[in-house]
Protein backbone atom coordinates (compact mmCIF):
# COMPACT_ATOMS: atom_id res chain seq x y z
CA MET A 1 -18.07 -23.58 29.99
CA ALA A 2 -17.17 -19.97 29.93
CA THR A 3 -17.21 -18.16 26.68
CA PHE A 4 -15.10 -15.18 25.46
CA SER A 5 -14.25 -13.12 22.38
CA TYR A 6 -10.88 -11.99 20.94
CA ASP A 7 -12.80 -8.69 19.78
CA VAL A 8 -11.22 -8.74 16.44
CA ASN A 9 -11.46 -5.34 14.99
CA ASN A 10 -14.70 -4.51 17.17
CA GLY A 11 -16.64 -6.82 15.12
CA SER A 12 -16.50 -5.08 11.90
CA LEU A 13 -14.63 -6.47 8.90
CA ASN A 14 -12.42 -4.55 6.60
CA THR A 15 -9.09 -5.12 4.65
CA ALA A 16 -6.98 -4.19 7.74
CA THR A 17 -8.56 -7.13 9.63
CA LEU A 18 -6.68 -9.53 7.53
CA SER A 19 -3.27 -8.10 8.44
CA GLN A 20 -4.22 -7.77 12.07
CA ASN A 21 -5.07 -11.45 12.02
CA PHE A 22 -1.95 -12.49 10.27
CA ASN A 23 0.20 -10.67 12.87
CA ARG A 24 -1.73 -11.93 15.87
CA TYR A 25 -1.70 -15.52 14.65
CA ARG A 26 1.90 -15.38 13.61
CA GLY A 27 2.95 -14.46 17.03
CA TYR A 28 0.65 -17.12 18.64
CA LYS A 29 2.15 -19.72 16.35
CA GLN A 30 5.60 -18.78 17.35
CA ILE A 31 4.82 -18.49 21.11
CA LEU A 32 3.61 -22.10 21.01
CA ASP A 33 6.62 -23.23 18.87
CA ILE A 34 8.96 -21.78 21.49
CA LEU A 35 7.18 -23.44 24.48
CA ILE A 36 7.48 -26.63 22.81
CA LYS A 37 11.17 -26.28 21.96
CA LEU A 38 11.97 -25.41 25.72
CA LYS A 39 9.69 -28.44 26.75
CA LYS A 40 7.29 -26.15 28.74
CA VAL A 41 4.38 -28.05 27.42
CA HIS A 42 2.39 -29.27 30.50
CA LEU A 43 0.22 -26.12 30.37
CA SER A 44 -2.52 -27.35 32.75
CA GLU A 45 0.15 -27.31 35.39
CA TYR A 46 1.47 -23.71 34.70
CA THR A 47 0.58 -20.32 35.99
CA VAL A 48 0.91 -17.52 33.32
CA LEU A 49 1.34 -13.80 33.61
CA GLU A 50 0.74 -11.19 30.83
CA PRO A 51 2.17 -7.78 32.07
CA ALA A 52 0.75 -4.68 30.44
CA CYS A 53 -1.84 -7.13 29.39
CA GLY A 54 -3.94 -4.65 27.13
CA GLY A 55 -6.61 -6.89 25.83
CA GLY A 56 -5.32 -10.08 27.38
CA ASP A 57 -5.35 -12.05 24.20
CA LYS A 58 -2.15 -13.92 24.90
CA LEU A 59 -3.80 -15.34 28.11
CA ARG A 60 -6.93 -16.47 26.37
CA LEU A 61 -4.85 -18.14 23.49
CA LEU A 62 -3.07 -20.31 26.25
CA THR A 63 -6.33 -21.41 27.68
CA GLU A 64 -7.21 -22.96 24.36
CA TYR A 65 -4.26 -25.21 24.94
CA GLY A 66 -4.74 -26.28 28.42
CA VAL A 67 -3.86 -23.37 30.76
CA LYS A 68 -6.66 -23.19 33.23
CA PRO A 69 -8.50 -19.58 33.26
CA GLU A 70 -7.88 -19.48 37.09
CA ASN A 71 -4.09 -19.57 36.53
CA CYS A 72 -4.06 -16.71 34.11
CA TYR A 73 -2.96 -13.26 35.54
CA GLY A 74 -2.62 -9.86 33.86
CA PHE A 75 -2.10 -6.34 35.22
CA ASP A 76 -2.09 -3.02 33.23
CA VAL A 77 -1.79 0.63 34.48
CA SER A 78 -4.85 1.43 32.34
CA ASP A 79 -8.20 0.91 33.95
CA ALA A 80 -9.89 0.85 30.56
CA ALA A 81 -7.51 -2.28 29.65
CA ILE A 82 -8.48 -4.07 32.67
CA ARG A 83 -12.07 -3.54 31.99
CA ARG A 84 -11.78 -4.71 28.53
CA CYS A 85 -9.92 -7.80 29.66
CA ARG A 86 -12.57 -8.74 32.31
CA LYS A 87 -15.28 -8.21 29.60
CA LEU A 88 -13.50 -10.43 26.97
CA SER A 89 -12.32 -13.27 29.18
CA PRO A 90 -13.50 -16.13 31.26
CA GLY A 91 -14.47 -14.72 34.59
CA MET A 92 -11.98 -17.04 36.46
CA MET A 93 -9.12 -14.97 35.00
CA ASN A 94 -7.20 -12.70 37.11
CA PHE A 95 -6.89 -9.05 36.15
CA GLN A 96 -6.04 -5.94 38.07
CA LEU A 97 -4.37 -2.53 37.86
CA ALA A 98 -0.69 -2.54 38.88
CA ASP A 99 2.60 -0.83 38.07
CA ALA A 100 5.27 -2.86 36.34
CA PHE A 101 7.85 -2.03 38.73
CA ASN A 102 5.98 -2.97 41.81
CA THR A 103 3.59 -5.95 41.19
CA PRO A 104 1.42 -7.46 43.93
CA TYR A 105 2.53 -11.22 43.31
CA GLU A 106 4.41 -13.52 45.40
CA ASP A 107 8.04 -14.43 44.58
CA GLU A 108 8.68 -17.25 41.88
CA PHE A 109 4.91 -17.39 41.23
CA PHE A 110 4.81 -17.77 37.51
CA ASP A 111 5.89 -20.64 35.05
CA ILE A 112 5.47 -18.21 32.01
CA ILE A 113 5.65 -14.52 31.54
CA ILE A 114 4.60 -12.98 28.12
CA CYS A 115 5.46 -9.32 27.71
CA SER A 116 4.35 -7.73 24.58
CA GLY A 117 5.46 -4.13 23.88
CA LEU A 118 6.38 -3.52 27.49
CA PHE A 119 10.25 -3.17 27.29
CA GLY A 120 9.82 -0.78 24.09
CA CYS A 121 8.11 1.77 26.59
CA TYR A 122 11.29 2.39 28.43
CA GLN A 123 14.12 4.51 26.82
CA ASN A 124 16.07 4.59 30.07
CA ASP A 125 18.20 1.29 30.53
CA GLU A 126 17.90 1.86 34.26
CA ASP A 127 14.14 1.35 34.03
CA GLY A 128 14.48 -1.54 31.97
CA LYS A 129 16.63 -3.35 34.36
CA LYS A 130 14.25 -2.30 37.17
CA LEU A 131 11.52 -4.04 35.11
CA THR A 132 13.84 -6.96 34.58
CA ALA A 133 14.50 -7.45 38.47
CA GLU A 134 10.74 -7.59 39.03
CA LEU A 135 9.95 -10.08 36.39
CA ALA A 136 12.91 -12.03 37.60
CA ARG A 137 11.46 -11.87 41.07
CA LEU A 138 7.99 -13.47 39.89
CA LEU A 139 9.45 -16.14 37.53
CA LYS A 140 10.18 -19.47 38.71
CA TYR A 141 13.72 -20.77 38.16
CA THR A 142 12.20 -23.45 35.77
CA GLY A 143 10.19 -20.72 33.83
CA VAL A 144 10.26 -18.84 30.49
CA LEU A 145 10.04 -15.35 29.78
CA LEU A 146 8.71 -14.40 26.20
CA ILE A 147 9.24 -10.75 24.87
CA CYS A 148 7.48 -9.43 21.81
CA ASP A 149 8.85 -6.01 20.96
CA LEU A 150 10.18 -3.60 18.55
CA ASN A 151 13.62 -4.42 16.98
CA GLU A 152 16.30 -2.50 15.10
CA ASN A 153 14.07 -1.75 12.11
CA TYR A 154 11.72 0.30 14.04
CA GLU A 155 13.31 3.89 13.47
CA LYS A 156 13.89 2.98 9.85
CA VAL A 157 10.43 1.98 9.12
CA TYR A 158 8.41 4.27 11.57
CA GLY A 159 10.67 7.13 12.37
CA HIS A 160 8.71 9.53 10.21
CA ASN A 161 5.24 8.73 11.77
CA PRO A 162 4.52 11.60 14.01
CA VAL A 163 2.01 9.69 16.03
CA LEU A 164 4.44 6.75 16.90
CA LYS A 165 7.37 9.40 17.31
CA ALA A 166 5.28 11.11 20.05
CA LYS A 167 4.99 7.88 21.94
CA ASN A 168 8.89 7.74 22.51
CA LEU A 169 9.14 3.89 21.83
CA ARG A 170 12.35 2.09 21.78
CA GLY A 171 13.58 -0.58 19.44
CA TYR A 172 16.16 -3.19 20.49
CA ASP A 173 18.86 -4.50 18.17
CA SER A 174 18.10 -8.06 17.77
CA LYS A 175 21.49 -8.60 15.85
CA SER A 176 23.69 -7.16 18.54
CA GLY A 177 22.13 -8.73 21.60
CA GLN A 178 21.00 -5.36 23.12
CA LEU A 179 17.92 -6.86 24.89
CA GLU A 180 19.82 -9.77 26.08
CA ALA A 181 22.50 -7.44 27.43
CA LEU A 182 19.74 -5.51 29.26
CA LEU A 183 18.22 -8.57 30.90
CA GLY A 184 21.70 -10.13 31.45
CA GLU A 185 22.10 -10.10 35.16
CA HIS A 186 18.92 -12.15 35.61
CA PHE A 187 18.14 -13.85 32.39
CA GLN A 188 19.72 -15.91 29.50
CA GLY A 189 18.49 -15.54 25.90
CA VAL A 190 17.59 -18.54 24.04
CA THR A 191 15.90 -17.58 20.79
CA ILE A 192 14.96 -14.63 18.55
CA SER A 193 12.45 -14.88 15.93
CA PRO A 194 11.13 -12.16 13.48
CA LEU A 195 7.48 -11.45 13.91
CA PHE A 196 5.89 -9.05 11.64
CA SER A 197 5.82 -5.32 10.20
CA TYR A 198 2.77 -3.28 9.74
CA ASP A 199 4.00 -1.83 6.22
CA ILE A 200 3.90 -4.96 4.16
CA TYR A 201 0.21 -5.30 3.52
CA ASN A 202 -0.10 -2.68 0.65
CA LEU A 203 0.93 -3.20 -3.03
CA PRO A 204 2.96 -0.50 -4.65
CA ASP A 205 -0.31 1.25 -5.83
CA GLY A 206 -1.62 1.47 -2.25
CA SER A 207 -4.13 -1.33 -2.63
CA PRO A 208 -4.43 -4.26 -0.30
CA LEU A 209 -2.33 -7.11 -0.36
CA PRO A 210 -4.48 -10.02 -1.74
CA VAL A 211 -4.80 -12.71 1.09
CA GLU A 212 -3.56 -15.31 -1.12
CA GLN A 213 -0.04 -13.76 -0.88
CA PHE A 214 0.16 -13.84 2.76
CA SER A 215 1.65 -17.18 2.88
CA THR A 216 4.29 -15.79 0.58
CA LEU A 217 4.83 -12.97 3.22
CA GLU A 218 5.44 -15.58 6.01
CA ALA A 219 8.27 -17.19 4.29
CA GLN A 220 9.83 -14.00 3.44
CA LEU A 221 9.69 -12.82 7.06
CA ASP A 222 11.19 -16.11 8.26
CA ASN A 223 13.95 -16.04 5.57
CA GLY A 224 15.00 -12.29 6.22
CA CYS A 225 13.82 -11.20 2.83
CA ILE A 226 11.34 -8.76 4.58
CA GLU A 227 12.57 -6.84 7.46
CA SER A 228 10.23 -7.37 10.50
CA THR A 229 9.79 -4.47 12.86
CA TYR A 230 8.83 -6.77 15.67
CA SER A 231 10.73 -9.69 17.16
CA LEU A 232 9.99 -12.50 19.73
CA TRP A 233 12.67 -13.16 22.25
CA SER A 234 12.68 -16.01 24.74
CA PHE A 235 14.79 -16.13 27.81
CA ILE A 236 15.09 -18.65 30.71
CA LYS A 237 16.09 -17.47 34.29
CA LYS A 238 19.71 -17.73 35.49
């Protein structure tokens, strides 16, 4: 059996590792929950794509629940990202360099597409719609599109951060249906869930939040007591 690594924090533990794991597995849990709710549960039968795959962690997650490694595909414009995916993942997974606007896959090839942070890279609605059209081409009519991205709280929480500001990222208003409108020609929105915010893991004095309080964070995020800066949207194809 192939072995692989999630490459958490490059193998070195520190207090940031706890929050990284919390964010990562909170997202994983909600992805699985949405697939169950949408009755997309026969994972061994599905072909999955992770556009702008980065480290490929969403694909590796789904192999733990039955997706066959040979049915996992990821692409990225970064050669370093693709090398990392190949290093960390089972050898049967399929990774390649590609442009999100012009991918090398056949029409209606995928049952599940999971995008993380991809739509937030495009300030221009025209580019967002071009990306949407390409994803619609790739997804089967019975398929599910999942999007994990920045929401309406991004500017408020991180607008002062010069590093993030230089990236020119975009948040989508989860309350007004902004992302649903952008994808509306090809997709119908189904669910929106709050994910996480990177600014909630320190106490007022700057010390790390004790890990035993993380379960309270989860409930506060779900109940809207803490504003998340990332949301998870699910869509089905029209």
